[in-house]
N, C-alpha and C. Protein backbone atom coordinates (compact mmCIF):
# COMPACT_ATOMS: atom_id res chain seq x y z
N UNK A 1 12.93 1.32 71.65
CA UNK A 1 13.31 2.55 70.98
C UNK A 1 12.85 3.73 71.84
N UNK A 2 13.74 4.69 72.06
CA UNK A 2 13.38 5.83 72.91
C UNK A 2 12.37 6.72 72.20
N UNK A 3 11.65 7.48 72.99
CA UNK A 3 10.65 8.39 72.44
C UNK A 3 11.30 9.43 71.53
N UNK A 4 12.44 9.96 71.94
CA UNK A 4 13.14 10.96 71.13
C UNK A 4 13.54 10.35 69.79
N UNK A 5 14.11 9.16 69.84
CA UNK A 5 14.52 8.49 68.60
C UNK A 5 13.31 8.23 67.72
N UNK A 6 12.22 7.77 68.31
CA UNK A 6 11.00 7.49 67.55
C UNK A 6 10.47 8.77 66.89
N UNK A 7 10.45 9.86 67.64
CA UNK A 7 10.00 11.15 67.09
C UNK A 7 10.88 11.58 65.92
N UNK A 8 12.19 11.48 66.09
CA UNK A 8 13.12 11.85 65.01
C UNK A 8 12.92 10.98 63.78
N UNK A 9 12.72 9.68 64.02
CA UNK A 9 12.51 8.74 62.92
C UNK A 9 11.25 9.11 62.14
N UNK A 10 10.16 9.40 62.86
CA UNK A 10 8.90 9.77 62.21
C UNK A 10 9.05 11.07 61.41
N UNK A 11 9.74 12.05 61.99
CA UNK A 11 9.94 13.32 61.29
C UNK A 11 10.78 13.13 60.03
N UNK A 12 11.81 12.30 60.11
CA UNK A 12 12.63 12.02 58.94
C UNK A 12 11.82 11.31 57.86
N UNK A 13 11.00 10.36 58.26
CA UNK A 13 10.16 9.65 57.29
C UNK A 13 9.19 10.62 56.61
N UNK A 14 8.63 11.56 57.36
CA UNK A 14 7.74 12.57 56.78
C UNK A 14 8.51 13.46 55.80
N UNK A 15 9.73 13.85 56.17
CA UNK A 15 10.54 14.71 55.29
C UNK A 15 10.87 13.98 53.99
N UNK A 16 11.21 12.71 54.09
CA UNK A 16 11.52 11.92 52.89
C UNK A 16 10.29 11.78 52.02
N UNK A 17 9.15 11.52 52.63
CA UNK A 17 7.90 11.40 51.89
C UNK A 17 7.56 12.71 51.18
N UNK A 18 7.77 13.83 51.85
CA UNK A 18 7.52 15.14 51.23
C UNK A 18 8.48 15.37 50.07
N UNK A 19 9.75 15.05 50.28
CA UNK A 19 10.76 15.24 49.23
C UNK A 19 10.41 14.44 47.98
N UNK A 20 9.86 13.25 48.16
CA UNK A 20 9.49 12.41 47.03
C UNK A 20 8.19 12.88 46.37
N UNK A 21 7.48 13.80 47.02
CA UNK A 21 6.22 14.29 46.48
C UNK A 21 5.03 13.44 46.88
N UNK A 22 5.23 12.51 47.81
CA UNK A 22 4.15 11.62 48.25
C UNK A 22 3.25 12.26 49.29
N UNK A 23 3.71 13.31 49.93
CA UNK A 23 2.98 13.87 51.07
C UNK A 23 3.12 15.39 51.05
N UNK A 24 2.19 16.06 51.70
CA UNK A 24 2.28 17.51 51.84
C UNK A 24 3.01 17.84 53.14
N UNK A 25 3.75 18.91 53.12
CA UNK A 25 4.49 19.32 54.31
C UNK A 25 3.54 19.93 55.33
N UNK A 26 3.82 19.66 56.59
CA UNK A 26 3.06 20.29 57.67
C UNK A 26 3.67 21.67 57.90
N UNK A 27 2.82 22.65 58.08
CA UNK A 27 3.33 23.99 58.34
C UNK A 27 2.75 24.52 59.64
N UNK A 28 3.44 25.46 60.21
CA UNK A 28 2.99 26.11 61.44
C UNK A 28 3.23 27.60 61.26
N UNK A 29 2.23 28.40 61.58
CA UNK A 29 2.35 29.84 61.43
C UNK A 29 2.49 30.48 62.81
N UNK A 30 3.44 31.40 62.92
CA UNK A 30 3.67 32.13 64.16
C UNK A 30 3.41 33.61 63.92
N UNK A 31 2.82 34.24 64.89
CA UNK A 31 2.60 35.68 64.83
C UNK A 31 3.65 36.34 65.72
N UNK A 32 4.43 37.20 65.14
CA UNK A 32 5.49 37.88 65.89
C UNK A 32 4.96 39.22 66.36
N UNK A 33 4.98 39.40 67.66
CA UNK A 33 4.48 40.63 68.26
C UNK A 33 5.54 41.73 68.15
N UNK A 34 5.11 42.98 68.04
CA UNK A 34 6.07 44.08 68.01
C UNK A 34 6.86 44.14 69.33
N UNK A 35 8.08 44.60 69.25
CA UNK A 35 8.92 44.72 70.43
C UNK A 35 8.44 45.90 71.27
N UNK A 36 8.22 45.66 72.57
CA UNK A 36 7.75 46.71 73.46
C UNK A 36 8.90 47.65 73.79
N UNK A 37 8.61 48.93 73.81
CA UNK A 37 9.61 49.92 74.21
C UNK A 37 9.33 50.36 75.65
N UNK A 38 10.39 50.54 76.43
CA UNK A 38 10.28 50.91 77.83
C UNK A 38 10.95 52.26 78.07
N UNK A 39 10.38 53.02 78.99
CA UNK A 39 11.01 54.28 79.39
C UNK A 39 12.12 53.97 80.39
N UNK A 40 13.00 54.93 80.62
CA UNK A 40 14.07 54.75 81.59
C UNK A 40 13.53 54.42 82.97
N UNK A 41 12.43 55.07 83.37
CA UNK A 41 11.86 54.79 84.69
C UNK A 41 11.28 53.38 84.76
N UNK A 42 10.70 52.90 83.66
CA UNK A 42 10.19 51.53 83.64
C UNK A 42 11.33 50.52 83.74
N UNK A 43 12.43 50.81 83.06
CA UNK A 43 13.59 49.92 83.12
C UNK A 43 14.13 49.87 84.55
N UNK A 44 14.26 51.03 85.18
CA UNK A 44 14.74 51.07 86.57
C UNK A 44 13.78 50.32 87.50
N UNK A 45 12.48 50.47 87.27
CA UNK A 45 11.49 49.78 88.11
C UNK A 45 11.61 48.26 87.96
N UNK A 46 11.77 47.80 86.73
CA UNK A 46 11.95 46.36 86.50
C UNK A 46 13.20 45.87 87.20
N UNK A 47 14.28 46.63 87.07
CA UNK A 47 15.55 46.27 87.71
C UNK A 47 15.38 46.20 89.22
N UNK A 48 14.73 47.19 89.81
CA UNK A 48 14.54 47.23 91.26
C UNK A 48 13.63 46.09 91.73
N UNK A 49 12.54 45.84 90.99
CA UNK A 49 11.62 44.76 91.36
C UNK A 49 12.30 43.40 91.28
N UNK A 50 13.27 43.28 90.38
CA UNK A 50 14.02 42.03 90.25
C UNK A 50 15.14 41.94 91.28
N UNK A 51 15.32 43.01 92.05
CA UNK A 51 16.36 43.08 93.09
C UNK A 51 17.74 42.77 92.51
N UNK A 52 18.03 43.39 91.36
CA UNK A 52 19.33 43.20 90.71
C UNK A 52 20.10 44.50 90.70
N UNK A 53 21.41 44.38 90.80
CA UNK A 53 22.24 45.56 90.61
C UNK A 53 22.19 45.93 89.13
N UNK A 54 22.61 47.14 88.81
CA UNK A 54 22.61 47.56 87.42
C UNK A 54 23.51 46.65 86.59
N UNK A 55 24.63 46.25 87.17
CA UNK A 55 25.57 45.38 86.46
C UNK A 55 24.95 44.02 86.15
N UNK A 56 24.30 43.41 87.14
CA UNK A 56 23.67 42.10 86.94
C UNK A 56 22.52 42.22 85.95
N UNK A 57 21.71 43.26 86.09
CA UNK A 57 20.58 43.48 85.18
C UNK A 57 21.09 43.65 83.75
N UNK A 58 22.15 44.43 83.57
CA UNK A 58 22.72 44.64 82.24
C UNK A 58 23.19 43.32 81.65
N UNK A 59 23.78 42.48 82.48
CA UNK A 59 24.24 41.17 82.01
C UNK A 59 23.07 40.33 81.53
N UNK A 60 21.97 40.32 82.27
CA UNK A 60 20.79 39.56 81.86
C UNK A 60 20.19 40.11 80.58
N UNK A 61 20.32 41.41 80.36
CA UNK A 61 19.77 42.04 79.16
C UNK A 61 20.72 41.89 77.97
N UNK A 62 21.92 41.39 78.23
CA UNK A 62 22.88 41.18 77.16
C UNK A 62 23.57 42.44 76.69
N UNK A 63 23.69 43.41 77.59
CA UNK A 63 24.37 44.66 77.23
C UNK A 63 25.49 44.93 78.22
N UNK A 64 26.43 45.77 77.82
CA UNK A 64 27.56 46.10 78.68
C UNK A 64 27.15 47.18 79.67
N UNK A 65 27.58 46.99 80.91
CA UNK A 65 27.34 48.01 81.93
C UNK A 65 28.70 48.62 82.23
N UNK A 66 29.13 49.51 81.35
CA UNK A 66 30.47 50.09 81.48
C UNK A 66 30.40 51.61 81.50
N UNK A 67 29.27 52.13 81.93
CA UNK A 67 29.10 53.58 81.94
C UNK A 67 28.51 54.09 80.64
N UNK A 68 28.60 53.30 79.59
CA UNK A 68 28.04 53.73 78.30
C UNK A 68 26.84 52.88 77.90
N UNK A 69 26.96 51.56 78.00
CA UNK A 69 25.91 50.68 77.51
C UNK A 69 24.58 50.83 78.20
N UNK A 70 24.52 50.47 79.48
CA UNK A 70 23.26 50.47 80.22
C UNK A 70 22.76 51.89 80.44
N UNK A 71 23.64 52.78 80.84
CA UNK A 71 23.21 54.16 81.08
C UNK A 71 22.68 54.82 79.82
N UNK A 72 23.37 54.59 78.71
CA UNK A 72 22.94 55.17 77.44
C UNK A 72 21.59 54.58 77.04
N UNK A 73 21.41 53.28 77.28
CA UNK A 73 20.16 52.63 76.91
C UNK A 73 19.01 53.17 77.75
N UNK A 74 19.23 53.33 79.07
CA UNK A 74 18.18 53.85 79.95
C UNK A 74 17.78 55.27 79.55
N UNK A 75 18.73 56.05 79.07
CA UNK A 75 18.46 57.45 78.75
C UNK A 75 18.12 57.69 77.28
N UNK A 76 18.17 56.66 76.48
CA UNK A 76 17.87 56.79 75.05
C UNK A 76 16.37 56.94 74.83
N UNK A 77 15.95 57.79 73.88
CA UNK A 77 14.52 57.92 73.60
C UNK A 77 13.95 56.70 72.89
N UNK A 78 14.79 55.83 72.33
CA UNK A 78 14.32 54.67 71.58
C UNK A 78 14.79 53.40 72.27
N UNK A 79 14.03 52.93 73.26
CA UNK A 79 14.40 51.75 74.01
C UNK A 79 13.40 50.64 73.73
N UNK A 80 13.89 49.47 73.43
CA UNK A 80 13.03 48.31 73.27
C UNK A 80 13.58 47.22 74.16
N UNK A 81 12.82 46.13 74.31
CA UNK A 81 13.30 45.05 75.16
C UNK A 81 14.39 44.25 74.48
N UNK A 82 14.63 44.50 73.20
CA UNK A 82 15.76 43.87 72.51
C UNK A 82 17.04 44.58 72.95
N UNK A 83 18.13 43.85 72.95
CA UNK A 83 19.40 44.44 73.37
C UNK A 83 19.79 45.58 72.45
N UNK A 84 20.28 46.68 73.01
CA UNK A 84 20.68 47.82 72.19
C UNK A 84 21.95 47.53 71.42
N UNK A 85 22.17 48.28 70.38
CA UNK A 85 23.38 48.10 69.56
C UNK A 85 24.57 48.73 70.24
């Protein structure tokens, strides 16, 4: 039996046991950090250090580089590392 299959089997058995009320569920807590905001100069510095064109950098950031998306994001007073709307 493969390790992946064995892991899945064990997890399913635990879920069934929990559903029946025989066992307590395992939980994991994650702390979500606030999104960091960057200035336009910091964004340009990151782009330059990564040796990417604005178009390639915009693609990696998940935004359009069409004269409005990336430029507007760099010049916006509210910039975070999350993709802009």
